Amino acid sequence: MTVPESTRETRLPQSADALRQWVARHVADQARLPHEEIRPDVPLAEYGLDSLYAVALAADLEDGLGLALEPTVALEHGTIGELVDFVLGELDKERADGV
């Protein structure tokens, strides 16, 4: 079954706070930690997350936002805050380009 483009694009929140919370929950699930313990300024590696997880997180962001991201995006932007800021910047560029 093909998911309509408009549905796919709205699957994940696109506001900074909501997207940070979504990523924090994603990280908490993977790290098996309470969501409240995940901070946006702590490197993902400190939660025990490896490169395989970083690639999976990038893929989930890409699928949920309908945005093309490099598989290494979570490694290059090592905290939740840095990652979300980058992703939101990419979304803004796409909107500005009319993509």
PDB file of N, CA and C in Angstrom:
ATOM      1  N   MET A   1       0.843  -1.175   0.000  1.00  0.00           N
ATOM      2  CA  MET A   1       0.000   0.000   0.000  1.00  0.00           C
ATOM      3  C   MET A   1       0.890   1.239   0.000  1.00  0.00           C
ATOM      4  N   THR A   2       0.605   2.159  -0.854  1.00  0.00           N
ATOM      5  CA  THR A   2       1.366   3.386  -0.947  1.00  0.00           C
ATOM      6  C   THR A   2       0.744   4.442  -0.040  1.00  0.00           C
ATOM      7  N   VAL A   3       1.584   5.069   0.769  1.00  0.00           N
ATOM      8  CA  VAL A   3       1.112   6.131   1.655  1.00  0.00           C
ATOM      9  C   VAL A   3       1.096   7.436   0.870  1.00  0.00           C
ATOM     10  N   PRO A   4      -0.029   8.128   0.848  1.00  0.00           N
ATOM     11  CA  PRO A   4      -0.077   9.410   0.141  1.00  0.00           C
ATOM     12  C   PRO A   4       0.987  10.374   0.667  1.00  0.00           C
ATOM     13  N   GLU A   5       1.560  11.144  -0.237  1.00  0.00           N
ATOM     14  CA  GLU A   5       2.640  12.068   0.133  1.00  0.00           C
ATOM     15  C   GLU A   5       2.226  13.001   1.260  1.00  0.00           C
ATOM     16  N   SER A   6       1.016  13.538   1.208  1.00  0.00           N
ATOM     17  CA  SER A   6       0.600  14.491   2.227  1.00  0.00           C
ATOM     18  C   SER A   6       0.517  13.840   3.605  1.00  0.00           C
ATOM     19  N   THR A   7       0.134  12.570   3.673  1.00  0.00           N
ATOM     20  CA  THR A   7       0.067  11.860   4.943  1.00  0.00           C
ATOM     21  C   THR A   7       1.453  11.583   5.469  1.00  0.00           C
ATOM     22  N   ARG A   8       2.355  11.144   4.581  1.00  0.00           N
ATOM     23  CA  ARG A   8       3.709  10.805   4.982  1.00  0.00           C
ATOM     24  C   ARG A   8       4.426  12.027   5.551  1.00  0.00           C
ATOM     25  N   GLU A   9       4.220  13.181   4.953  1.00  0.00           N
ATOM     26  CA  GLU A   9       4.915  14.386   5.380  1.00  0.00           C
ATOM     27  C   GLU A   9       4.491  14.855   6.765  1.00  0.00           C
ATOM     28  N   THR A  10       3.315  14.487   7.204  1.00  0.00           N
ATOM     29  CA  THR A  10       2.834  14.988   8.486  1.00  0.00           C
ATOM     30  C   THR A  10       2.917  13.946   9.583  1.00  0.00           C
ATOM     31  N   ARG A  11       3.573  12.832   9.347  1.00  0.00           N
ATOM     32  CA  ARG A  11       3.639  11.774  10.343  1.00  0.00           C
ATOM     33  C   ARG A  11       4.409  12.199  11.592  1.00  0.00           C
ATOM     34  N   LEU A  12       5.455  12.964  11.425  1.00  0.00           N
ATOM     35  CA  LEU A  12       6.228  13.450  12.569  1.00  0.00           C
ATOM     36  C   LEU A  12       5.986  14.939  12.754  1.00  0.00           C
ATOM     37  N   PRO A  13       6.084  15.391  14.012  1.00  0.00           N
ATOM     38  CA  PRO A  13       5.905  16.830  14.252  1.00  0.00           C
ATOM     39  C   PRO A  13       7.024  17.624  13.597  1.00  0.00           C
ATOM     40  N   GLN A  14       6.710  18.836  13.183  1.00  0.00           N
ATOM     41  CA  GLN A  14       7.710  19.668  12.529  1.00  0.00           C
ATOM     42  C   GLN A  14       8.026  20.923  13.323  1.00  0.00           C
ATOM     43  N   SER A  15       7.501  21.037  14.543  1.00  0.00           N
ATOM     44  CA  SER A  15       7.914  22.147  15.405  1.00  0.00           C
ATOM     45  C   SER A  15       9.123  21.679  16.208  1.00  0.00           C
ATOM     46  N   ALA A  16       9.964  22.610  16.619  1.00  0.00           N
ATOM     47  CA  ALA A  16      11.211  22.267  17.295  1.00  0.00           C
ATOM     48  C   ALA A  16      10.951  21.478  18.579  1.00  0.00           C
ATOM     49  N   ASP A  17      10.078  21.974  19.435  1.00  0.00           N
ATOM     50  CA  ASP A  17       9.826  21.288  20.711  1.00  0.00           C
ATOM     51  C   ASP A  17       9.232  19.900  20.506  1.00  0.00           C
ATOM     52  N   ALA A  18       8.246  19.801  19.629  1.00  0.00           N
ATOM     53  CA  ALA A  18       7.598  18.507  19.406  1.00  0.00           C
ATOM     54  C   ALA A  18       8.565  17.510  18.765  1.00  0.00           C
ATOM     55  N   LEU A  19       9.401  17.979  17.838  1.00  0.00           N
ATOM     56  CA  LEU A  19      10.354  17.069  17.202  1.00  0.00           C
ATOM     57  C   LEU A  19      11.435  16.641  18.198  1.00  0.00           C
ATOM     58  N   ARG A  20      11.885  17.563  19.053  1.00  0.00           N
ATOM     59  CA  ARG A  20      12.853  17.184  20.102  1.00  0.00           C
ATOM     60  C   ARG A  20      12.265  16.103  21.018  1.00  0.00           C
ATOM     61  N   GLN A  21      11.006  16.282  21.381  1.00  0.00           N
ATOM     62  CA  GLN A  21      10.358  15.281  22.240  1.00  0.00           C
ATOM     63  C   GLN A  21      10.239  13.942  21.535  1.00  0.00           C
ATOM     64  N   TRP A  22       9.908  13.972  20.232  1.00  0.00           N
ATOM     65  CA  TRP A  22       9.797  12.714  19.481  1.00  0.00           C
ATOM     66  C   TRP A  22      11.157  12.017  19.439  1.00  0.00           C
ATOM     67  N   VAL A  23      12.219  12.759  19.130  1.00  0.00           N
ATOM     68  CA  VAL A  23      13.555  12.157  19.070  1.00  0.00           C
ATOM     69  C   VAL A  23      13.964  11.658  20.464  1.00  0.00           C
ATOM     70  N   ALA A  24      13.667  12.420  21.500  1.00  0.00           N
ATOM     71  CA  ALA A  24      14.014  11.996  22.858  1.00  0.00           C
ATOM     72  C   ALA A  24      13.317  10.686  23.216  1.00  0.00           C
ATOM     73  N   ARG A  25      12.054  10.545  22.838  1.00  0.00           N
ATOM     74  CA  ARG A  25      11.342   9.289  23.104  1.00  0.00           C
ATOM     75  C   ARG A  25      11.960   8.137  22.306  1.00  0.00           C
ATOM     76  N   HIS A  26      12.330   8.424  21.065  1.00  0.00           N
ATOM     77  CA  HIS A  26      12.978   7.420  20.207  1.00  0.00           C
ATOM     78  C   HIS A  26      14.271   6.958  20.879  1.00  0.00           C
ATOM     79  N   VAL A  27      15.071   7.906  21.339  1.00  0.00           N
ATOM     80  CA  VAL A  27      16.339   7.589  22.001  1.00  0.00           C
ATOM     81  C   VAL A  27      16.078   6.844  23.313  1.00  0.00           C
ATOM     82  N   ALA A  28      15.104   7.293  24.079  1.00  0.00           N
ATOM     83  CA  ALA A  28      14.789   6.642  25.356  1.00  0.00           C
ATOM     84  C   ALA A  28      14.378   5.192  25.144  1.00  0.00           C
ATOM     85  N   ASP A  29      13.568   4.948  24.130  1.00  0.00           N
ATOM     86  CA  ASP A  29      13.158   3.567  23.837  1.00  0.00           C
ATOM     87  C   ASP A  29      14.366   2.706  23.506  1.00  0.00           C
ATOM     88  N   GLN A  30      15.237   3.233  22.676  1.00  0.00           N
ATOM     89  CA  GLN A  30      16.411   2.466  22.255  1.00  0.00           C
ATOM     90  C   GLN A  30      17.374   2.241  23.428  1.00  0.00           C
ATOM     91  N   ALA A  31      17.564   3.285  24.233  1.00  0.00           N
ATOM     92  CA  ALA A  31      18.498   3.196  25.363  1.00  0.00           C
ATOM     93  C   ALA A  31      17.863   2.537  26.587  1.00  0.00           C
ATOM     94  N   ARG A  32      16.543   2.305  26.503  1.00  0.00           N
ATOM     95  CA  ARG A  32      15.799   1.706  27.621  1.00  0.00           C
ATOM     96  C   ARG A  32      15.949   2.539  28.888  1.00  0.00           C
ATOM     97  N   LEU A  33      15.728   3.824  28.701  1.00  0.00           N
ATOM     98  CA  LEU A  33      15.776   4.790  29.792  1.00  0.00           C
ATOM     99  C   LEU A  33      14.449   5.524  29.847  1.00  0.00           C
ATOM    100  N   PRO A  34      14.097   6.042  31.014  1.00  0.00           N
ATOM    101  CA  PRO A  34      12.894   6.884  31.080  1.00  0.00           C
ATOM    102  C   PRO A  34      13.087   8.129  30.204  1.00  0.00           C
ATOM    103  N   HIS A  35      12.024   8.524  29.546  1.00  0.00           N
ATOM    104  CA  HIS A  35      12.065   9.682  28.659  1.00  0.00           C
ATOM    105  C   HIS A  35      12.606  10.913  29.371  1.00  0.00           C
ATOM    106  N   GLU A  36      12.282  11.051  30.646  1.00  0.00           N
ATOM    107  CA  GLU A  36      12.686  12.235  31.407  1.00  0.00           C
ATOM    108  C   GLU A  36      14.203  12.334  31.586  1.00  0.00           C
ATOM    109  N   GLU A  37      14.914  11.237  31.419  1.00  0.00           N
ATOM    110  CA  GLU A  37      16.364  11.237  31.589  1.00  0.00           C
ATOM    111  C   GLU A  37      17.120  11.650  30.330  1.00  0.00           C
ATOM    112  N   ILE A  38      16.417  11.791  29.233  1.00  0.00           N
ATOM    113  CA  ILE A  38      17.062  12.125  27.956  1.00  0.00           C
ATOM    114  C   ILE A  38      17.103  13.645  27.821  1.00  0.00           C
ATOM    115  N   ARG A  39      18.326  14.172  27.651  1.00  0.00           N
ATOM    116  CA  ARG A  39      18.500  15.627  27.523  1.00  0.00           C
ATOM    117  C   ARG A  39      18.968  15.960  26.114  1.00  0.00           C
ATOM    118  N   PRO A  40      18.500  17.093  25.584  1.00  0.00           N
ATOM    119  CA  PRO A  40      18.841  17.442  24.199  1.00  0.00           C
ATOM    120  C   PRO A  40      20.289  17.861  23.987  1.00  0.00           C
ATOM    121  N   ASP A  41      21.016  18.155  25.072  1.00  0.00           N
ATOM    122  CA  ASP A  41      22.391  18.627  24.926  1.00  0.00           C
ATOM    123  C   ASP A  41      23.443  17.562  25.234  1.00  0.00           C
ATOM    124  N   VAL A  42      23.001  16.349  25.461  1.00  0.00           N
ATOM    125  CA  VAL A  42      23.923  15.251  25.772  1.00  0.00           C
ATOM    126  C   VAL A  42      24.192  14.449  24.490  1.00  0.00           C
ATOM    127  N   PRO A  43      25.458  14.161  24.195  1.00  0.00           N
ATOM    128  CA  PRO A  43      25.751  13.362  22.991  1.00  0.00           C
ATOM    129  C   PRO A  43      25.014  12.021  23.016  1.00  0.00           C
ATOM    130  N   LEU A  44      24.494  11.643  21.856  1.00  0.00           N
ATOM    131  CA  LEU A  44      23.760  10.380  21.757  1.00  0.00           C
ATOM    132  C   LEU A  44      24.629   9.205  22.196  1.00  0.00           C
ATOM    133  N   ALA A  45      25.908   9.281  21.945  1.00  0.00           N
ATOM    134  CA  ALA A  45      26.822   8.198  22.323  1.00  0.00           C
ATOM    135  C   ALA A  45      26.826   7.970  23.835  1.00  0.00           C
ATOM    136  N   GLU A  46      26.565   9.020  24.613  1.00  0.00           N
ATOM    137  CA  GLU A  46      26.544   8.858  26.067  1.00  0.00           C
ATOM    138  C   GLU A  46      25.349   8.036  26.546  1.00  0.00           C
ATOM    139  N   TYR A  47      24.350   7.879  25.689  1.00  0.00           N
ATOM    140  CA  TYR A  47      23.221   7.006  26.020  1.00  0.00           C
ATOM    141  C   TYR A  47      23.470   5.583  25.543  1.00  0.00           C
ATOM    142  N   GLY A  48      24.695   5.333  25.084  1.00  0.00           N
ATOM    143  CA  GLY A  48      25.056   3.994  24.630  1.00  0.00           C
ATOM    144  C   GLY A  48      24.587   3.686  23.227  1.00  0.00           C
ATOM    145  N   LEU A  49      24.245   4.728  22.484  1.00  0.00           N
ATOM    146  CA  LEU A  49      23.733   4.506  21.134  1.00  0.00           C
ATOM    147  C   LEU A  49      24.886   4.460  20.140  1.00  0.00           C
ATOM    148  N   ASP A  50      24.835   3.497  19.249  1.00  0.00           N
ATOM    149  CA  ASP A  50      25.929   3.283  18.313  1.00  0.00           C
ATOM    150  C   ASP A  50      25.580   3.783  16.906  1.00  0.00           C
ATOM    151  N   SER A  51      26.503   3.560  15.988  1.00  0.00           N
ATOM    152  CA  SER A  51      26.314   4.041  14.621  1.00  0.00           C
ATOM    153  C   SER A  51      25.139   3.356  13.928  1.00  0.00           C
ATOM    154  N   LEU A  52      24.908   2.105  14.247  1.00  0.00           N
ATOM    155  CA  LEU A  52      23.764   1.398  13.653  1.00  0.00           C
ATOM    156  C   LEU A  52      22.462   2.065  14.072  1.00  0.00           C
ATOM    157  N   TYR A  53      22.365   2.404  15.346  1.00  0.00           N
ATOM    158  CA  TYR A  53      21.167   3.099  15.817  1.00  0.00           C
ATOM    159  C   TYR A  53      21.049   4.478  15.163  1.00  0.00           C
ATOM    160  N   ALA A  54      22.168   5.177  15.035  1.00  0.00           N
ATOM    161  CA  ALA A  54      22.146   6.507  14.421  1.00  0.00           C
ATOM    162  C   ALA A  54      21.600   6.440  12.992  1.00  0.00           C
ATOM    163  N   VAL A  55      21.975   5.408  12.259  1.00  0.00           N
ATOM    164  CA  VAL A  55      21.473   5.243  10.888  1.00  0.00           C
ATOM    165  C   VAL A  55      19.973   4.949  10.916  1.00  0.00           C
ATOM    166  N   ALA A  56      19.534   4.125  11.865  1.00  0.00           N
ATOM    167  CA  ALA A  56      18.104   3.813  11.980  1.00  0.00           C
ATOM    168  C   ALA A  56      17.303   5.063  12.352  1.00  0.00           C
ATOM    169  N   LEU A  57      17.847   5.881  13.248  1.00  0.00           N
ATOM    170  CA  LEU A  57      17.173   7.127  13.631  1.00  0.00           C
ATOM    171  C   LEU A  57      17.055   8.053  12.423  1.00  0.00           C
ATOM    172  N   ALA A  58      18.113   8.164  11.653  1.00  0.00           N
ATOM    173  CA  ALA A  58      18.079   9.001  10.445  1.00  0.00           C
ATOM    174  C   ALA A  58      17.014   8.498   9.473  1.00  0.00           C
ATOM    175  N   ALA A  59      16.923   7.191   9.319  1.00  0.00           N
ATOM    176  CA  ALA A  59      15.920   6.615   8.407  1.00  0.00           C
ATOM    177  C   ALA A  59      14.505   6.895   8.901  1.00  0.00           C
ATOM    178  N   ASP A  60      14.278   6.794  10.201  1.00  0.00           N
ATOM    179  CA  ASP A  60      12.947   7.074  10.746  1.00  0.00           C
ATOM    180  C   ASP A  60      12.587   8.553  10.573  1.00  0.00           C
ATOM    181  N   LEU A  61      13.564   9.430  10.775  1.00  0.00           N
ATOM    182  CA  LEU A  61      13.309  10.861  10.545  1.00  0.00           C
ATOM    183  C   LEU A  61      13.003  11.115   9.077  1.00  0.00           C
ATOM    184  N   GLU A  62      13.779  10.507   8.218  1.00  0.00           N
ATOM    185  CA  GLU A  62      13.582  10.678   6.774  1.00  0.00           C
ATOM    186  C   GLU A  62      12.191  10.211   6.357  1.00  0.00           C
ATOM    187  N   ASP A  63      11.809   9.021   6.821  1.00  0.00           N
ATOM    188  CA  ASP A  63      10.493   8.475   6.472  1.00  0.00           C
ATOM    189  C   ASP A  63       9.368   9.314   7.063  1.00  0.00           C
ATOM    190  N   GLY A  64       9.523   9.716   8.306  1.00  0.00           N
ATOM    191  CA  GLY A  64       8.451  10.435   8.981  1.00  0.00           C
ATOM    192  C   GLY A  64       8.257  11.859   8.519  1.00  0.00           C
ATOM    193  N   LEU A  65       9.333  12.465   8.032  1.00  0.00           N
ATOM    194  CA  LEU A  65       9.242  13.857   7.604  1.00  0.00           C
ATOM    195  C   LEU A  65       9.159  14.006   6.087  1.00  0.00           C
ATOM    196  N   GLY A  66       9.389  12.904   5.367  1.00  0.00           N
ATOM    197  CA  GLY A  66       9.401  12.997   3.911  1.00  0.00           C
ATOM    198  C   GLY A  66      10.558  13.852   3.426  1.00  0.00           C
ATOM    199  N   LEU A  67      11.673  13.754   4.123  1.00  0.00           N
ATOM    200  CA  LEU A  67      12.839  14.593   3.875  1.00  0.00           C
ATOM    201  C   LEU A  67      14.035  13.696   3.598  1.00  0.00           C
ATOM    202  N   ALA A  68      14.795  14.003   2.545  1.00  0.00           N
ATOM    203  CA  ALA A  68      15.997  13.224   2.246  1.00  0.00           C
ATOM    204  C   ALA A  68      17.111  13.616   3.210  1.00  0.00           C
ATOM    205  N   LEU A  69      17.607  12.633   3.958  1.00  0.00           N
ATOM    206  CA  LEU A  69      18.689  12.868   4.920  1.00  0.00           C
ATOM    207  C   LEU A  69      19.798  11.854   4.678  1.00  0.00           C
ATOM    208  N   GLU A  70      21.021  12.278   4.916  1.00  0.00           N
ATOM    209  CA  GLU A  70      22.144  11.348   4.844  1.00  0.00           C
ATOM    210  C   GLU A  70      22.029  10.354   6.006  1.00  0.00           C
ATOM    211  N   PRO A  71      22.389   9.104   5.786  1.00  0.00           N
ATOM    212  CA  PRO A  71      22.315   8.118   6.869  1.00  0.00           C
ATOM    213  C   PRO A  71      23.181   8.488   8.074  1.00  0.00           C
ATOM    214  N   THR A  72      24.170   9.329   7.854  1.00  0.00           N
ATOM    215  CA  THR A  72      25.089   9.707   8.930  1.00  0.00           C
ATOM    216  C   THR A  72      24.678  10.985   9.656  1.00  0.00           C
ATOM    217  N   VAL A  73      23.501  11.503   9.371  1.00  0.00           N
ATOM    218  CA  VAL A  73      23.104  12.798   9.925  1.00  0.00           C
ATOM    219  C   VAL A  73      23.122  12.805  11.459  1.00  0.00           C
ATOM    220  N   ALA A  74      22.734  11.724  12.087  1.00  0.00           N
ATOM    221  CA  ALA A  74      22.711  11.686  13.553  1.00  0.00           C
ATOM    222  C   ALA A  74      24.121  11.570  14.128  1.00  0.00           C
ATOM    223  N   LEU A  75      25.058  11.082  13.338  1.00  0.00           N
ATOM    224  CA  LEU A  75      26.446  11.021  13.791  1.00  0.00           C
ATOM    225  C   LEU A  75      27.107  12.388  13.649  1.00  0.00           C
ATOM    226  N   GLU A  76      26.745  13.093  12.589  1.00  0.00           N
ATOM    227  CA  GLU A  76      27.338  14.401  12.324  1.00  0.00           C
ATOM    228  C   GLU A  76      26.789  15.482  13.253  1.00  0.00           C
ATOM    229  N   HIS A  77      25.582  15.279  13.743  1.00  0.00           N
ATOM    230  CA  HIS A  77      24.927  16.219  14.660  1.00  0.00           C
ATOM    231  C   HIS A  77      24.625  15.400  15.912  1.00  0.00           C
ATOM    232  N   GLY A  78      25.602  15.282  16.781  1.00  0.00           N
ATOM    233  CA  GLY A  78      25.639  14.267  17.829  1.00  0.00           C
ATOM    234  C   GLY A  78      24.717  14.399  19.017  1.00  0.00           C
ATOM    235  N   THR A  79      24.007  15.515  19.152  1.00  0.00           N
ATOM    236  CA  THR A  79      23.036  15.614  20.250  1.00  0.00           C
ATOM    237  C   THR A  79      21.638  15.768  19.647  1.00  0.00           C
ATOM    238  N   ILE A  80      20.643  15.538  20.448  1.00  0.00           N
ATOM    239  CA  ILE A  80      19.267  15.698  19.968  1.00  0.00           C
ATOM    240  C   ILE A  80      19.035  17.136  19.519  1.00  0.00           C
ATOM    241  N   GLY A  81      19.532  18.089  20.308  1.00  0.00           N
ATOM    242  CA  GLY A  81      19.341  19.495  19.951  1.00  0.00           C
ATOM    243  C   GLY A  81      19.978  19.843  18.621  1.00  0.00           C
ATOM    244  N   GLU A  82      21.215  19.398  18.423  1.00  0.00           N
ATOM    245  CA  GLU A  82      21.906  19.688  17.160  1.00  0.00           C
ATOM    246  C   GLU A  82      21.212  18.997  15.984  1.00  0.00           C
ATOM    247  N   LEU A  83      20.797  17.765  16.201  1.00  0.00           N
ATOM    248  CA  LEU A  83      20.129  17.003  15.139  1.00  0.00           C
ATOM    249  C   LEU A  83      18.809  17.662  14.738  1.00  0.00           C
ATOM    250  N   VAL A  84      18.012  18.013  15.725  1.00  0.00           N
ATOM    251  CA  VAL A  84      16.704  18.629  15.428  1.00  0.00           C
ATOM    252  C   VAL A  84      16.898  19.991  14.761  1.00  0.00           C
ATOM    253  N   ASP A  85      17.840  20.784  15.240  1.00  0.00           N
ATOM    254  CA  ASP A  85      18.091  22.081  14.595  1.00  0.00           C
ATOM    255  C   ASP A  85      18.473  21.891  13.128  1.00  0.00           C
ATOM    256  N   PHE A  86      19.334  20.906  12.844  1.00  0.00           N
ATOM    257  CA  PHE A  86      19.724  20.647  11.463  1.00  0.00           C
ATOM    258  C   PHE A  86      18.523  20.210  10.622  1.00  0.00           C
ATOM    259  N   VAL A  87      17.754  19.266  11.148  1.00  0.00           N
ATOM    260  CA  VAL A  87      16.604  18.742  10.394  1.00  0.00           C
ATOM    261  C   VAL A  87      15.591  19.856  10.119  1.00  0.00           C
ATOM    262  N   LEU A  88      15.322  20.684  11.116  1.00  0.00           N
ATOM    263  CA  LEU A  88      14.378  21.786  10.900  1.00  0.00           C
ATOM    264  C   LEU A  88      14.923  22.767   9.862  1.00  0.00           C
ATOM    265  N   GLY A  89      16.229  22.991   9.853  1.00  0.00           N
ATOM    266  CA  GLY A  89      16.833  23.835   8.826  1.00  0.00           C
ATOM    267  C   GLY A  89      16.655  23.255   7.431  1.00  0.00           C
ATOM    268  N   GLU A  90      16.808  21.941   7.332  1.00  0.00           N
ATOM    269  CA  GLU A  90      16.600  21.276   6.035  1.00  0.00           C
ATOM    270  C   GLU A  90      15.138  21.385   5.596  1.00  0.00           C
ATOM    271  N   LEU A  91      14.213  21.248   6.545  1.00  0.00           N
ATOM    272  CA  LEU A  91      12.791  21.404   6.205  1.00  0.00           C
ATOM    273  C   LEU A  91      12.511  22.819   5.722  1.00  0.00           C
ATOM    274  N   ASP A  92      13.111  23.807   6.387  1.00  0.00           N
ATOM    275  CA  ASP A  92      12.924  25.197   5.961  1.00  0.00           C
ATOM    276  C   ASP A  92      13.469  25.415   4.554  1.00  0.00           C
ATOM    277  N   LYS A  93      14.627  24.817   4.246  1.00  0.00           N
ATOM    278  CA  LYS A  93      15.195  24.947   2.895  1.00  0.00           C
ATOM    279  C   LYS A  93      14.263  24.346   1.855  1.00  0.00           C
ATOM    280  N   GLU A  94      13.702  23.183   2.154  1.00  0.00           N
ATOM    281  CA  GLU A  94      12.783  22.545   1.207  1.00  0.00           C
ATOM    282  C   GLU A  94      11.552  23.418   0.980  1.00  0.00           C
ATOM    283  N   ARG A  95      11.027  23.983   2.070  1.00  0.00           N
ATOM    284  CA  ARG A  95       9.846  24.841   1.930  1.00  0.00           C
ATOM    285  C   ARG A  95      10.189  26.071   1.090  1.00  0.00           C
ATOM    286  N   ALA A  96      11.369  26.642   1.331  1.00  0.00           N
ATOM    287  CA  ALA A  96      11.783  27.831   0.592  1.00  0.00           C
ATOM    288  C   ALA A  96      11.986  27.518  -0.884  1.00  0.00           C
ATOM    289  N   ASP A  97      12.468  26.296  -1.162  1.00  0.00           N
ATOM    290  CA  ASP A  97      12.684  25.887  -2.546  1.00  0.00           C
ATOM    291  C   ASP A  97      11.400  25.411  -3.210  1.00  0.00           C
ATOM    292  N   GLY A  98      10.332  25.261  -2.412  1.00  0.00           N
ATOM    293  CA  GLY A  98       9.056  24.819  -2.955  1.00  0.00           C
ATOM    294  C   GLY A  98       9.012  23.346  -3.274  1.00  0.00           C
ATOM    295  N   VAL A  99       9.853  22.562  -2.602  1.00  0.00           N
ATOM    296  CA  VAL A  99       9.888  21.109  -2.840  1.00  0.00           C
ATOM    297  C   VAL A  99       8.776  20.447  -2.080  1.00  0.00           C
TER     298      VAL A  99
END
